[in-house]
Amino acid sequence: MKRIAVISAILHDPERAQGEFNSLVTSFKGIVKGRMGLPMPEYGVSVITIALAGELDEINSLTGKLGLLKDVQVKTSISKKEI
């Protein structure tokens, strides 16, 4: 069952975490529909949102892997409606 989801991420050390973060997101390119990044150097963070359309297992897998990265905080919102 496919769903729409949005992952919100805050990178607390963007220079260190950006490479791994981008690599993981790229490995899930089949479900990634859009991405927006907002660097906030004055606060020492970057804020990233990723729009997804995929199976729950895929969405949860990406969320879990991103959440294991050092200095990365993630939250995911998944639609109730199946697509």
N, C-alpha and C. Protein backbone atom coordinates (compact mmCIF):
# COMPACT_ATOMS: atom_id res chain seq x y z
N MET A 1 0.84 -1.18 0.00
CA MET A 1 0.00 0.00 0.00
C MET A 1 0.89 1.24 0.00
N LYS A 2 0.72 2.08 -1.00
CA LYS A 2 1.54 3.29 -1.12
C LYS A 2 0.88 4.46 -0.40
N ARG A 3 1.72 5.32 0.12
CA ARG A 3 1.26 6.51 0.84
C ARG A 3 2.12 7.71 0.43
N ILE A 4 1.58 8.88 0.68
CA ILE A 4 2.33 10.11 0.56
C ILE A 4 2.93 10.40 1.94
N ALA A 5 4.16 10.89 1.96
CA ALA A 5 4.80 11.20 3.24
C ALA A 5 5.72 12.40 3.08
N VAL A 6 5.99 13.05 4.20
CA VAL A 6 6.93 14.15 4.24
C VAL A 6 7.91 13.88 5.38
N ILE A 7 9.19 13.92 5.07
CA ILE A 7 10.22 13.81 6.09
C ILE A 7 10.77 15.20 6.34
N SER A 8 10.81 15.60 7.58
CA SER A 8 11.43 16.86 7.98
C SER A 8 12.71 16.51 8.73
N ALA A 9 13.78 17.16 8.35
CA ALA A 9 15.08 16.87 8.99
C ALA A 9 15.79 18.16 9.36
N ILE A 10 16.44 18.13 10.51
CA ILE A 10 17.31 19.22 10.93
C ILE A 10 18.71 18.63 11.07
N LEU A 11 19.64 19.19 10.34
CA LEU A 11 21.03 18.77 10.43
C LEU A 11 21.74 19.75 11.36
N HIS A 12 22.15 19.25 12.52
CA HIS A 12 22.76 20.10 13.54
C HIS A 12 24.24 20.40 13.27
N ASP A 13 24.85 19.64 12.39
CA ASP A 13 26.21 19.90 11.94
C ASP A 13 26.22 19.64 10.43
N PRO A 14 25.66 20.58 9.65
CA PRO A 14 25.45 20.34 8.22
C PRO A 14 26.71 19.95 7.45
N GLU A 15 27.82 20.57 7.75
CA GLU A 15 29.05 20.26 7.00
C GLU A 15 29.46 18.81 7.18
N ARG A 16 29.25 18.27 8.36
CA ARG A 16 29.62 16.89 8.64
C ARG A 16 28.58 15.90 8.13
N ALA A 17 27.31 16.23 8.30
CA ALA A 17 26.23 15.27 8.03
C ALA A 17 25.71 15.29 6.60
N GLN A 18 25.93 16.36 5.86
CA GLN A 18 25.32 16.54 4.54
C GLN A 18 25.65 15.41 3.56
N GLY A 19 26.88 14.99 3.51
CA GLY A 19 27.29 13.95 2.56
C GLY A 19 26.56 12.64 2.76
N GLU A 20 26.56 12.15 4.00
CA GLU A 20 25.86 10.90 4.31
C GLU A 20 24.36 11.03 4.08
N PHE A 21 23.81 12.18 4.48
CA PHE A 21 22.38 12.44 4.33
C PHE A 21 22.00 12.37 2.84
N ASN A 22 22.74 13.09 2.01
CA ASN A 22 22.45 13.11 0.57
C ASN A 22 22.58 11.73 -0.06
N SER A 23 23.59 10.99 0.36
CA SER A 23 23.80 9.65 -0.18
C SER A 23 22.62 8.73 0.13
N LEU A 24 22.12 8.80 1.36
CA LEU A 24 20.97 7.97 1.74
C LEU A 24 19.72 8.37 0.95
N VAL A 25 19.46 9.66 0.85
CA VAL A 25 18.28 10.12 0.11
C VAL A 25 18.37 9.67 -1.34
N THR A 26 19.55 9.78 -1.94
CA THR A 26 19.74 9.36 -3.33
C THR A 26 19.48 7.87 -3.51
N SER A 27 19.82 7.07 -2.51
CA SER A 27 19.60 5.63 -2.62
C SER A 27 18.10 5.27 -2.59
N PHE A 28 17.24 6.22 -2.23
CA PHE A 28 15.80 6.02 -2.23
C PHE A 28 15.12 6.88 -3.31
N LYS A 29 15.86 7.20 -4.37
CA LYS A 29 15.36 8.12 -5.39
C LYS A 29 14.07 7.65 -6.05
N GLY A 30 13.78 6.37 -6.00
CA GLY A 30 12.55 5.85 -6.60
C GLY A 30 11.28 6.33 -5.91
N ILE A 31 11.37 6.71 -4.64
CA ILE A 31 10.19 7.18 -3.91
C ILE A 31 10.24 8.67 -3.61
N VAL A 32 11.38 9.31 -3.84
CA VAL A 32 11.52 10.74 -3.56
C VAL A 32 10.89 11.54 -4.70
N LYS A 33 9.94 12.39 -4.37
CA LYS A 33 9.25 13.21 -5.37
C LYS A 33 9.72 14.65 -5.36
N GLY A 34 10.27 15.12 -4.27
CA GLY A 34 10.76 16.48 -4.19
C GLY A 34 11.53 16.69 -2.91
N ARG A 35 12.36 17.73 -2.95
CA ARG A 35 13.21 18.00 -1.79
C ARG A 35 13.50 19.49 -1.73
N MET A 36 13.49 20.03 -0.52
CA MET A 36 13.82 21.44 -0.33
C MET A 36 14.77 21.56 0.84
N GLY A 37 15.86 22.26 0.63
CA GLY A 37 16.82 22.47 1.71
C GLY A 37 16.95 23.95 2.01
N LEU A 38 17.04 24.26 3.27
CA LEU A 38 17.18 25.65 3.71
C LEU A 38 18.38 25.76 4.64
N PRO A 39 19.53 26.23 4.12
CA PRO A 39 20.67 26.41 5.01
C PRO A 39 20.41 27.57 5.96
N MET A 40 20.77 27.40 7.20
CA MET A 40 20.61 28.45 8.21
C MET A 40 21.94 28.60 8.96
N PRO A 41 22.97 29.09 8.27
CA PRO A 41 24.30 29.16 8.88
C PRO A 41 24.36 30.03 10.13
N GLU A 42 23.48 31.01 10.21
CA GLU A 42 23.47 31.87 11.40
C GLU A 42 23.08 31.09 12.66
N TYR A 43 22.43 29.93 12.47
CA TYR A 43 22.05 29.08 13.60
C TYR A 43 22.86 27.78 13.64
N GLY A 44 23.70 27.57 12.64
CA GLY A 44 24.52 26.37 12.60
C GLY A 44 23.78 25.11 12.22
N VAL A 45 22.65 25.26 11.50
CA VAL A 45 21.85 24.10 11.10
C VAL A 45 21.42 24.24 9.65
N SER A 46 20.92 23.15 9.09
CA SER A 46 20.20 23.14 7.82
C SER A 46 18.88 22.43 8.06
N VAL A 47 17.83 22.92 7.41
CA VAL A 47 16.50 22.31 7.51
C VAL A 47 16.17 21.75 6.13
N ILE A 48 15.76 20.48 6.09
CA ILE A 48 15.47 19.81 4.83
C ILE A 48 14.11 19.14 4.92
N THR A 49 13.30 19.29 3.86
CA THR A 49 12.04 18.55 3.76
C THR A 49 12.08 17.71 2.50
N ILE A 50 11.54 16.50 2.60
CA ILE A 50 11.54 15.57 1.48
C ILE A 50 10.12 15.04 1.32
N ALA A 51 9.56 15.19 0.11
CA ALA A 51 8.23 14.64 -0.20
C ALA A 51 8.42 13.27 -0.85
N LEU A 52 7.64 12.29 -0.37
CA LEU A 52 7.78 10.91 -0.83
C LEU A 52 6.43 10.33 -1.26
N ALA A 53 6.47 9.35 -2.13
CA ALA A 53 5.31 8.53 -2.46
C ALA A 53 5.84 7.11 -2.59
N GLY A 54 5.48 6.26 -1.64
CA GLY A 54 6.01 4.90 -1.66
C GLY A 54 5.35 3.99 -0.66
N GLU A 55 5.85 2.77 -0.62
CA GLU A 55 5.36 1.78 0.33
C GLU A 55 5.78 2.18 1.74
N LEU A 56 4.96 1.81 2.72
CA LEU A 56 5.26 2.14 4.11
C LEU A 56 6.63 1.63 4.54
N ASP A 57 6.98 0.43 4.11
CA ASP A 57 8.28 -0.14 4.47
C ASP A 57 9.43 0.72 3.95
N GLU A 58 9.29 1.22 2.72
CA GLU A 58 10.34 2.06 2.14
C GLU A 58 10.46 3.39 2.89
N ILE A 59 9.31 4.01 3.17
CA ILE A 59 9.30 5.28 3.89
C ILE A 59 9.92 5.12 5.27
N ASN A 60 9.51 4.08 5.97
CA ASN A 60 10.04 3.84 7.31
C ASN A 60 11.53 3.49 7.28
N SER A 61 11.95 2.79 6.26
CA SER A 61 13.37 2.45 6.13
C SER A 61 14.21 3.70 5.96
N LEU A 62 13.78 4.59 5.06
CA LEU A 62 14.54 5.83 4.86
C LEU A 62 14.54 6.67 6.13
N THR A 63 13.39 6.81 6.76
CA THR A 63 13.31 7.59 8.00
C THR A 63 14.25 7.02 9.06
N GLY A 64 14.23 5.71 9.24
CA GLY A 64 15.08 5.07 10.24
C GLY A 64 16.55 5.26 9.97
N LYS A 65 16.96 5.11 8.71
CA LYS A 65 18.37 5.27 8.37
C LYS A 65 18.84 6.71 8.56
N LEU A 66 17.98 7.67 8.18
CA LEU A 66 18.34 9.07 8.38
C LEU A 66 18.45 9.39 9.88
N GLY A 67 17.55 8.82 10.67
CA GLY A 67 17.54 9.06 12.11
C GLY A 67 18.75 8.51 12.83
N LEU A 68 19.43 7.55 12.22
CA LEU A 68 20.63 6.97 12.84
C LEU A 68 21.88 7.81 12.59
N LEU A 69 21.78 8.76 11.67
CA LEU A 69 22.95 9.60 11.38
C LEU A 69 23.23 10.55 12.54
N LYS A 70 24.50 10.71 12.84
CA LYS A 70 24.91 11.63 13.92
C LYS A 70 24.54 13.06 13.54
N ASP A 71 24.01 13.79 14.50
CA ASP A 71 23.65 15.20 14.33
C ASP A 71 22.49 15.43 13.37
N VAL A 72 21.66 14.40 13.14
CA VAL A 72 20.48 14.55 12.28
C VAL A 72 19.24 14.18 13.10
N GLN A 73 18.25 15.06 13.07
CA GLN A 73 16.98 14.83 13.77
C GLN A 73 15.90 14.76 12.71
N VAL A 74 15.07 13.71 12.73
CA VAL A 74 14.03 13.55 11.70
C VAL A 74 12.66 13.28 12.32
N LYS A 75 11.65 13.73 11.59
CA LYS A 75 10.25 13.42 11.90
C LYS A 75 9.57 13.15 10.56
N THR A 76 8.62 12.24 10.57
CA THR A 76 7.91 11.89 9.35
C THR A 76 6.41 11.97 9.57
N SER A 77 5.74 12.52 8.58
CA SER A 77 4.28 12.56 8.57
C SER A 77 3.82 11.74 7.37
N ILE A 78 2.94 10.75 7.62
CA ILE A 78 2.48 9.85 6.57
C ILE A 78 0.97 10.00 6.43
N SER A 79 0.51 10.12 5.18
CA SER A 79 -0.91 10.28 4.93
C SER A 79 -1.67 9.01 5.31
N LYS A 80 -2.90 9.18 5.71
CA LYS A 80 -3.77 8.04 6.01
C LYS A 80 -4.33 7.43 4.74
N LYS A 81 -4.45 8.25 3.71
CA LYS A 81 -5.01 7.82 2.44
C LYS A 81 -4.01 7.01 1.63
N GLU A 82 -4.46 5.88 1.12
CA GLU A 82 -3.61 5.06 0.24
C GLU A 82 -3.67 5.64 -1.17
N ILE A 83 -2.56 5.50 -1.88
CA ILE A 83 -2.54 5.96 -3.29
C ILE A 83 -2.24 4.80 -4.21
